[in-house]
Amino acid sequence: MSKFSLKNIFIKSEEDEQSPKHEENSVKKTAETGSGMKFPGSTTGNAYVPPTVSISEGILNQVVELYEKGFDSLNKPGYDFYEFFKAIHSVNDFSPGAYKMAFQMGKVMNASLEKNALIQSADQYISEINKVHENYRLQGEGKRNDITKTQTNEKQALTNEIASIENQINQLKNQIAELENKKRQRESELSPIDTKYHAELKLIEEKLQANNSAREIITSKINTVKHGILTNI
């Protein structure tokens, strides 16, 4: 039993993109088998563990269909558990009578058919399916780990960049605070400037006016005497 196709369910191929998603009979089989393939009377294999996330119907049908096709590919010539399984599911009857009738029909096709042979055959199918399941699990976990690593790296890079930007913002805030303090200091120095130089400027202005007045006074006196000379001598 080595014909089970190991198509990668985590990476879609061009064939998968072009082929119809589900055939009518595969949808019917999915409805009959539920969330996974179950074999009557089987006690081996890994127990089904419910997923931690909700599985969409489309993805579930896709993977179940892949397993069903793989199950079909494992069928060996002659009558074994595969034909018994199909007989039971074809009538969708899981009563004891249905099992006995299917076994009798199997005996007609294979006179040496025994109950233990069916159980052993079922276990072989389950063993092959479990091998493929493990392969898919490793593929999926590897893909998940790769994506998680990329996600972590991107988050870390963005976190570092955000921290750097915050640091720059804090530096700018400190610079702005320093400039605001310097501005207030200069404004406090500006306010008394007029008062500081008022007295000195006033004195200078008085002296400038006095200079003009003094010149007028002295030149006036000189001109008076000058005029007296011109008129009296």
C-alpha atoms as a PDB file:
ATOM      1  CA  MET A   1       0.000   0.000   0.000  1.00  0.00           C
ATOM      2  CA  SER A   2       2.098   2.880  -1.233  1.00  0.00           C
ATOM      3  CA  LYS A   3      -0.111   4.615  -3.827  1.00  0.00           C
ATOM      4  CA  PHE A   4      -1.551   7.259  -1.503  1.00  0.00           C
ATOM      5  CA  SER A   5      -0.892  10.592  -3.243  1.00  0.00           C
ATOM      6  CA  LEU A   6       1.215  12.956  -1.145  1.00  0.00           C
ATOM      7  CA  LYS A   7      -0.102  16.151  -2.680  1.00  0.00           C
ATOM      8  CA  ASN A   8       0.738  19.125  -0.539  1.00  0.00           C
ATOM      9  CA  ILE A   9      -2.477  20.393   1.047  1.00  0.00           C
ATOM     10  CA  PHE A  10      -0.716  23.548   2.262  1.00  0.00           C
ATOM     11  CA  ILE A  11       0.450  24.815  -1.143  1.00  0.00           C
ATOM     12  CA  LYS A  12      -2.045  24.891  -4.023  1.00  0.00           C
ATOM     13  CA  SER A  13      -0.759  23.651  -7.366  1.00  0.00           C
ATOM     14  CA  GLU A  14      -1.878  24.908 -10.787  1.00  0.00           C
ATOM     15  CA  GLU A  15      -3.835  21.667 -11.191  1.00  0.00           C
ATOM     16  CA  ASP A  16      -5.692  22.347  -7.951  1.00  0.00           C
ATOM     17  CA  GLU A  17      -6.541  25.885  -9.082  1.00  0.00           C
ATOM     18  CA  GLN A  18      -7.950  24.650 -12.415  1.00  0.00           C
ATOM     19  CA  SER A  19      -9.828  21.557 -11.211  1.00  0.00           C
ATOM     20  CA  PRO A  20     -13.347  21.715  -9.684  1.00  0.00           C
ATOM     21  CA  LYS A  21     -13.251  21.978  -5.935  1.00  0.00           C
ATOM     22  CA  HIS A  22     -15.734  19.242  -5.116  1.00  0.00           C
ATOM     23  CA  GLU A  23     -17.619  16.615  -7.035  1.00  0.00           C
ATOM     24  CA  GLU A  24     -21.186  15.753  -6.093  1.00  0.00           C
ATOM     25  CA  ASN A  25     -20.333  12.276  -4.831  1.00  0.00           C
ATOM     26  CA  SER A  26     -17.440  13.587  -2.724  1.00  0.00           C
ATOM     27  CA  VAL A  27     -19.752  16.035  -0.992  1.00  0.00           C
ATOM     28  CA  LYS A  28     -22.127  13.166  -0.263  1.00  0.00           C
ATOM     29  CA  LYS A  29     -19.291  11.085   1.144  1.00  0.00           C
ATOM     30  CA  THR A  30     -18.210  13.990   3.322  1.00  0.00           C
ATOM     31  CA  ALA A  31     -21.675  14.300   4.755  1.00  0.00           C
ATOM     32  CA  GLU A  32     -21.719  10.586   5.500  1.00  0.00           C
ATOM     33  CA  THR A  33     -18.287  10.346   7.066  1.00  0.00           C
ATOM     34  CA  GLY A  34     -18.453  13.555   9.117  1.00  0.00           C
ATOM     35  CA  SER A  35     -15.235  15.318  10.096  1.00  0.00           C
ATOM     36  CA  GLY A  36     -12.942  12.404   9.278  1.00  0.00           C
ATOM     37  CA  MET A  37     -12.851   8.817   8.021  1.00  0.00           C
ATOM     38  CA  LYS A  38     -13.986   6.246  10.571  1.00  0.00           C
ATOM     39  CA  PHE A  39     -13.605   2.480  10.160  1.00  0.00           C
ATOM     40  CA  PRO A  40     -16.060   0.137  11.914  1.00  0.00           C
ATOM     41  CA  GLY A  41     -14.451  -2.054  14.531  1.00  0.00           C
ATOM     42  CA  SER A  42     -11.090  -0.234  14.431  1.00  0.00           C
ATOM     43  CA  THR A  43      -9.248   0.304  17.692  1.00  0.00           C
ATOM     44  CA  THR A  44      -5.933   1.488  16.293  1.00  0.00           C
ATOM     45  CA  GLY A  45      -4.704   4.844  15.044  1.00  0.00           C
ATOM     46  CA  ASN A  46      -4.317   8.237  16.628  1.00  0.00           C
ATOM     47  CA  ALA A  47      -7.316   9.667  18.454  1.00  0.00           C
ATOM     48  CA  TYR A  48      -8.916  12.657  16.755  1.00  0.00           C
ATOM     49  CA  VAL A  49      -8.022  15.872  18.528  1.00  0.00           C
ATOM     50  CA  PRO A  50     -10.460  18.765  17.924  1.00  0.00           C
ATOM     51  CA  PRO A  51      -8.739  21.772  16.355  1.00  0.00           C
ATOM     52  CA  THR A  52      -8.295  24.933  18.343  1.00  0.00           C
ATOM     53  CA  VAL A  53      -9.674  26.996  15.455  1.00  0.00           C
ATOM     54  CA  SER A  54     -12.929  26.733  13.541  1.00  0.00           C
ATOM     55  CA  ILE A  55     -12.483  24.865  10.249  1.00  0.00           C
ATOM     56  CA  SER A  56     -14.325  26.255   7.247  1.00  0.00           C
ATOM     57  CA  GLU A  57     -16.486  23.779   5.370  1.00  0.00           C
ATOM     58  CA  GLY A  58     -14.603  24.417   2.138  1.00  0.00           C
ATOM     59  CA  ILE A  59     -11.201  23.537   3.585  1.00  0.00           C
ATOM     60  CA  LEU A  60     -12.572  20.516   5.446  1.00  0.00           C
ATOM     61  CA  ASN A  61     -14.239  19.167   2.287  1.00  0.00           C
ATOM     62  CA  GLN A  62     -11.033  19.729   0.315  1.00  0.00           C
ATOM     63  CA  VAL A  63      -8.880  17.753   2.736  1.00  0.00           C
ATOM     64  CA  VAL A  64     -11.464  14.996   3.300  1.00  0.00           C
ATOM     65  CA  GLU A  65     -11.753  14.616  -0.476  1.00  0.00           C
ATOM     66  CA  LEU A  66      -7.972  14.299  -0.702  1.00  0.00           C
ATOM     67  CA  TYR A  67      -7.975  11.548   1.934  1.00  0.00           C
ATOM     68  CA  GLU A  68     -10.865   9.746   0.252  1.00  0.00           C
ATOM     69  CA  LYS A  69      -9.049   9.760  -3.091  1.00  0.00           C
ATOM     70  CA  GLY A  70      -5.954   8.510  -1.299  1.00  0.00           C
ATOM     71  CA  PHE A  71      -8.012   5.789   0.332  1.00  0.00           C
ATOM     72  CA  ASP A  72      -9.306   4.790  -3.110  1.00  0.00           C
ATOM     73  CA  SER A  73      -5.747   4.666  -4.458  1.00  0.00           C
ATOM     74  CA  LEU A  74      -4.769   2.167  -1.740  1.00  0.00           C
ATOM     75  CA  ASN A  75      -7.308  -0.411  -2.890  1.00  0.00           C
ATOM     76  CA  LYS A  76      -5.702  -3.734  -3.756  1.00  0.00           C
ATOM     77  CA  PRO A  77      -7.023  -6.297  -6.240  1.00  0.00           C
ATOM     78  CA  GLY A  78      -9.595  -8.658  -4.789  1.00  0.00           C
ATOM     79  CA  TYR A  79     -12.110  -8.274  -1.979  1.00  0.00           C
ATOM     80  CA  ASP A  80     -10.818  -6.812   1.274  1.00  0.00           C
ATOM     81  CA  PHE A  81     -11.842  -4.153   3.765  1.00  0.00           C
ATOM     82  CA  TYR A  82     -12.028  -1.479   1.052  1.00  0.00           C
ATOM     83  CA  GLU A  83     -14.885  -3.252  -0.752  1.00  0.00           C
ATOM     84  CA  PHE A  84     -16.572  -4.008   2.575  1.00  0.00           C
ATOM     85  CA  PHE A  85     -16.306  -0.349   3.572  1.00  0.00           C
ATOM     86  CA  LYS A  86     -17.816   0.772   0.247  1.00  0.00           C
ATOM     87  CA  ALA A  87     -20.643  -1.737   0.596  1.00  0.00           C
ATOM     88  CA  ILE A  88     -21.581  -0.437   4.048  1.00  0.00           C
ATOM     89  CA  HIS A  89     -21.424   3.209   3.013  1.00  0.00           C
ATOM     90  CA  SER A  90     -23.288   2.635  -0.245  1.00  0.00           C
ATOM     91  CA  VAL A  91     -26.457   1.765   1.710  1.00  0.00           C
ATOM     92  CA  ASN A  92     -25.658   4.154   4.562  1.00  0.00           C
ATOM     93  CA  ASP A  93     -26.769   1.474   7.021  1.00  0.00           C
ATOM     94  CA  PHE A  94     -24.575   0.707  10.031  1.00  0.00           C
ATOM     95  CA  SER A  95     -26.892  -1.760  11.733  1.00  0.00           C
ATOM     96  CA  PRO A  96     -25.681  -5.272  12.704  1.00  0.00           C
ATOM     97  CA  GLY A  97     -27.820  -6.693   9.916  1.00  0.00           C
ATOM     98  CA  ALA A  98     -26.147  -4.527   7.327  1.00  0.00           C
ATOM     99  CA  TYR A  99     -22.721  -5.663   8.510  1.00  0.00           C
ATOM    100  CA  LYS A 100     -23.760  -9.327   8.346  1.00  0.00           C
ATOM    101  CA  MET A 101     -25.259  -8.918   4.882  1.00  0.00           C
ATOM    102  CA  ALA A 102     -22.135  -7.132   3.593  1.00  0.00           C
ATOM    103  CA  PHE A 103     -19.988  -9.910   5.055  1.00  0.00           C
ATOM    104  CA  GLN A 104     -22.089 -12.579   3.322  1.00  0.00           C
ATOM    105  CA  MET A 105     -21.817 -10.729   0.023  1.00  0.00           C
ATOM    106  CA  GLY A 106     -18.090 -10.540   0.558  1.00  0.00           C
ATOM    107  CA  LYS A 107     -17.946 -14.275   1.138  1.00  0.00           C
ATOM    108  CA  VAL A 108     -19.607 -14.760  -2.234  1.00  0.00           C
ATOM    109  CA  MET A 109     -16.846 -12.738  -3.880  1.00  0.00           C
ATOM    110  CA  ASN A 110     -14.068 -14.183  -1.718  1.00  0.00           C
ATOM    111  CA  ALA A 111     -14.850 -17.547  -0.191  1.00  0.00           C
ATOM    112  CA  SER A 112     -11.827 -17.327   2.130  1.00  0.00           C
ATOM    113  CA  LEU A 113     -12.919 -13.984   3.599  1.00  0.00           C
ATOM    114  CA  GLU A 114     -12.621 -13.909   7.382  1.00  0.00           C
ATOM    115  CA  LYS A 115     -13.496 -11.346  10.036  1.00  0.00           C
ATOM    116  CA  ASN A 116      -9.880 -11.083  11.225  1.00  0.00           C
ATOM    117  CA  ALA A 117      -8.704 -10.545   7.653  1.00  0.00           C
ATOM    118  CA  LEU A 118     -11.072  -7.586   7.344  1.00  0.00           C
ATOM    119  CA  ILE A 119      -9.808  -6.139  10.648  1.00  0.00           C
ATOM    120  CA  GLN A 120      -6.182  -6.576   9.577  1.00  0.00           C
ATOM    121  CA  SER A 121      -6.951  -4.995   6.211  1.00  0.00           C
ATOM    122  CA  ALA A 122      -8.666  -2.048   7.926  1.00  0.00           C
ATOM    123  CA  ASP A 123      -5.661  -1.574  10.185  1.00  0.00           C
ATOM    124  CA  GLN A 124      -3.372  -1.551   7.145  1.00  0.00           C
ATOM    125  CA  TYR A 125      -5.438   1.171   5.502  1.00  0.00           C
ATOM    126  CA  ILE A 126      -5.449   3.169   8.729  1.00  0.00           C
ATOM    127  CA  SER A 127      -1.682   2.719   9.051  1.00  0.00           C
ATOM    128  CA  GLU A 128      -1.128   4.128   5.546  1.00  0.00           C
ATOM    129  CA  ILE A 129      -3.519   6.993   6.185  1.00  0.00           C
ATOM    130  CA  ASN A 130      -1.742   7.784   9.464  1.00  0.00           C
ATOM    131  CA  LYS A 131       1.568   7.915   7.583  1.00  0.00           C
ATOM    132  CA  VAL A 132       0.148  10.446   5.160  1.00  0.00           C
ATOM    133  CA  HIS A 133      -1.420  12.365   8.046  1.00  0.00           C
ATOM    134  CA  GLU A 134       1.982  12.574   9.722  1.00  0.00           C
ATOM    135  CA  ASN A 135       3.541  13.783   6.477  1.00  0.00           C
ATOM    136  CA  TYR A 136       0.869  16.480   6.129  1.00  0.00           C
ATOM    137  CA  ARG A 137       1.293  17.412   9.796  1.00  0.00           C
ATOM    138  CA  LEU A 138       5.023  17.907   9.361  1.00  0.00           C
ATOM    139  CA  GLN A 139       4.437  19.935   6.204  1.00  0.00           C
ATOM    140  CA  GLY A 140       1.836  22.106   7.917  1.00  0.00           C
ATOM    141  CA  GLU A 141       3.869  22.672  11.060  1.00  0.00           C
ATOM    142  CA  GLY A 142       6.925  23.487   8.961  1.00  0.00           C
ATOM    143  CA  LYS A 143       4.932  26.008   6.942  1.00  0.00           C
ATOM    144  CA  ARG A 144       3.410  27.423  10.123  1.00  0.00           C
ATOM    145  CA  ASN A 145       6.843  27.724  11.752  1.00  0.00           C
ATOM    146  CA  ASP A 146       8.224  29.525   8.689  1.00  0.00           C
ATOM    147  CA  ILE A 147       5.329  31.979   8.645  1.00  0.00           C
ATOM    148  CA  THR A 148       5.475  32.450  12.419  1.00  0.00           C
ATOM    149  CA  LYS A 149       9.197  33.179  12.197  1.00  0.00           C
ATOM    150  CA  THR A 150       8.611  35.714   9.424  1.00  0.00           C
ATOM    151  CA  GLN A 151       5.758  37.232  11.427  1.00  0.00           C
ATOM    152  CA  THR A 152       7.924  37.472  14.543  1.00  0.00           C
ATOM    153  CA  ASN A 153      10.796  39.061  12.613  1.00  0.00           C
ATOM    154  CA  GLU A 154       8.483  41.632  11.013  1.00  0.00           C
ATOM    155  CA  LYS A 155       6.863  42.449  14.351  1.00  0.00           C
ATOM    156  CA  GLN A 156      10.282  42.807  16.002  1.00  0.00           C
ATOM    157  CA  ALA A 157      11.548  45.049  13.195  1.00  0.00           C
ATOM    158  CA  LEU A 158       8.466  47.261  13.431  1.00  0.00           C
ATOM    159  CA  THR A 159       8.664  47.297  17.238  1.00  0.00           C
ATOM    160  CA  ASN A 160      12.313  48.381  17.071  1.00  0.00           C
ATOM    161  CA  GLU A 161      11.482  51.075  14.521  1.00  0.00           C
ATOM    162  CA  ILE A 162       8.601  52.339  16.665  1.00  0.00           C
ATOM    163  CA  ALA A 163      10.921  52.470  19.697  1.00  0.00           C
ATOM    164  CA  SER A 164      13.472  54.413  17.645  1.00  0.00           C
ATOM    165  CA  ILE A 165      10.805  56.867  16.491  1.00  0.00           C
ATOM    166  CA  GLU A 166       9.569  57.288  20.062  1.00  0.00           C
ATOM    167  CA  ASN A 167      13.131  57.971  21.149  1.00  0.00           C
ATOM    168  CA  GLN A 168      13.488  60.612  18.446  1.00  0.00           C
ATOM    169  CA  ILE A 169      10.156  62.131  19.482  1.00  0.00           C
ATOM    170  CA  ASN A 170      11.319  62.292  23.109  1.00  0.00           C
ATOM    171  CA  GLN A 171      14.573  63.928  22.011  1.00  0.00           C
ATOM    172  CA  LEU A 172      12.638  66.490  19.983  1.00  0.00           C
ATOM    173  CA  LYS A 173      10.314  67.085  22.943  1.00  0.00           C
ATOM    174  CA  ASN A 174      13.327  67.727  25.141  1.00  0.00           C
ATOM    175  CA  GLN A 175      14.776  70.102  22.552  1.00  0.00           C
ATOM    176  CA  ILE A 176      11.432  71.892  22.250  1.00  0.00           C
ATOM    177  CA  ALA A 177      11.197  72.173  26.035  1.00  0.00           C
ATOM    178  CA  GLU A 178      14.706  73.616  26.184  1.00  0.00           C
ATOM    179  CA  LEU A 179      13.890  76.112  23.422  1.00  0.00           C
ATOM    180  CA  GLU A 180      10.652  77.122  25.163  1.00  0.00           C
ATOM    181  CA  ASN A 181      12.545  77.707  28.401  1.00  0.00           C
ATOM    182  CA  LYS A 182      15.134  79.741  26.507  1.00  0.00           C
ATOM    183  CA  LYS A 183      12.361  81.709  24.821  1.00  0.00           C
ATOM    184  CA  ARG A 184      10.693  82.506  28.165  1.00  0.00           C
ATOM    185  CA  GLN A 185      14.075  83.538  29.571  1.00  0.00           C
ATOM    186  CA  ARG A 186      14.706  85.877  26.666  1.00  0.00           C
ATOM    187  CA  GLU A 187      11.168  87.269  26.954  1.00  0.00           C
ATOM    188  CA  SER A 188      11.815  87.972  30.646  1.00  0.00           C
ATOM    189  CA  GLU A 189      15.029  89.736  29.660  1.00  0.00           C
ATOM    190  CA  LEU A 190      13.276  91.726  26.938  1.00  0.00           C
ATOM    191  CA  SER A 191      10.567  93.147  29.168  1.00  0.00           C
ATOM    192  CA  PRO A 192      12.778  95.519  31.278  1.00  0.00           C
ATOM    193  CA  ILE A 193      15.009  96.619  28.401  1.00  0.00           C
ATOM    194  CA  ASP A 194      13.191  99.938  27.879  1.00  0.00           C
ATOM    195  CA  THR A 195      13.314 100.744  31.581  1.00  0.00           C
ATOM    196  CA  LYS A 196      16.962  99.756  31.754  1.00  0.00           C
ATOM    197  CA  TYR A 197      18.064 102.329  29.140  1.00  0.00           C
ATOM    198  CA  HIS A 198      15.338 104.945  29.658  1.00  0.00           C
ATOM    199  CA  ALA A 199      17.256 107.170  32.093  1.00  0.00           C
ATOM    200  CA  GLU A 200      20.454 107.102  30.066  1.00  0.00           C
ATOM    201  CA  LEU A 201      18.648 107.792  26.806  1.00  0.00           C
ATOM    202  CA  LYS A 202      16.703 110.624  28.475  1.00  0.00           C
ATOM    203  CA  LEU A 203      19.915 112.210  29.697  1.00  0.00           C
ATOM    204  CA  ILE A 204      21.496 111.954  26.262  1.00  0.00           C
ATOM    205  CA  GLU A 205      18.394 113.443  24.660  1.00  0.00           C
ATOM    206  CA  GLU A 206      18.440 116.333  27.149  1.00  0.00           C
ATOM    207  CA  LYS A 207      22.110 116.983  26.413  1.00  0.00           C
ATOM    208  CA  LEU A 208      21.484 116.905  22.678  1.00  0.00           C
ATOM    209  CA  GLN A 209      18.698 119.443  23.064  1.00  0.00           C
ATOM    210  CA  ALA A 210      20.848 121.468  25.465  1.00  0.00           C
ATOM    211  CA  ASN A 211      23.622 121.394  22.904  1.00  0.00           C
ATOM    212  CA  ASN A 212      21.291 122.855  20.320  1.00  0.00           C
ATOM    213  CA  SER A 213      19.958 125.399  22.755  1.00  0.00           C
ATOM    214  CA  ALA A 214      23.421 126.375  23.977  1.00  0.00           C
ATOM    215  CA  ARG A 215      24.581 126.905  20.415  1.00  0.00           C
ATOM    216  CA  GLU A 216      21.588 129.090  19.690  1.00  0.00           C
ATOM    217  CA  ILE A 217      22.191 131.092  22.843  1.00  0.00           C
ATOM    218  CA  ILE A 218      25.882 131.697  22.298  1.00  0.00           C
ATOM    219  CA  THR A 219      25.586 132.366  18.593  1.00  0.00           C
ATOM    220  CA  SER A 220      22.728 134.729  19.305  1.00  0.00           C
ATOM    221  CA  LYS A 221      24.887 136.657  21.765  1.00  0.00           C
ATOM    222  CA  ILE A 222      27.764 136.740  19.313  1.00  0.00           C
ATOM    223  CA  ASN A 223      25.526 137.939  16.500  1.00  0.00           C
ATOM    224  CA  THR A 224      24.097 140.657  18.751  1.00  0.00           C
ATOM    225  CA  VAL A 225      27.553 142.035  19.451  1.00  0.00           C
ATOM    226  CA  LYS A 226      28.514 141.590  15.803  1.00  0.00           C
ATOM    227  CA  HIS A 227      25.473 143.576  14.719  1.00  0.00           C
ATOM    228  CA  GLY A 228      26.353 146.319  17.255  1.00  0.00           C
ATOM    229  CA  ILE A 229      29.785 146.676  15.732  1.00  0.00           C
ATOM    230  CA  LEU A 230      28.351 146.966  12.283  1.00  0.00           C
ATOM    231  CA  THR A 231      25.832 149.573  13.262  1.00  0.00           C
ATOM    232  CA  ASN A 232      27.649 151.571  15.912  1.00  0.00           C
ATOM    233  CA  ILE A 233      31.196 151.923  14.737  1.00  0.00           C
END
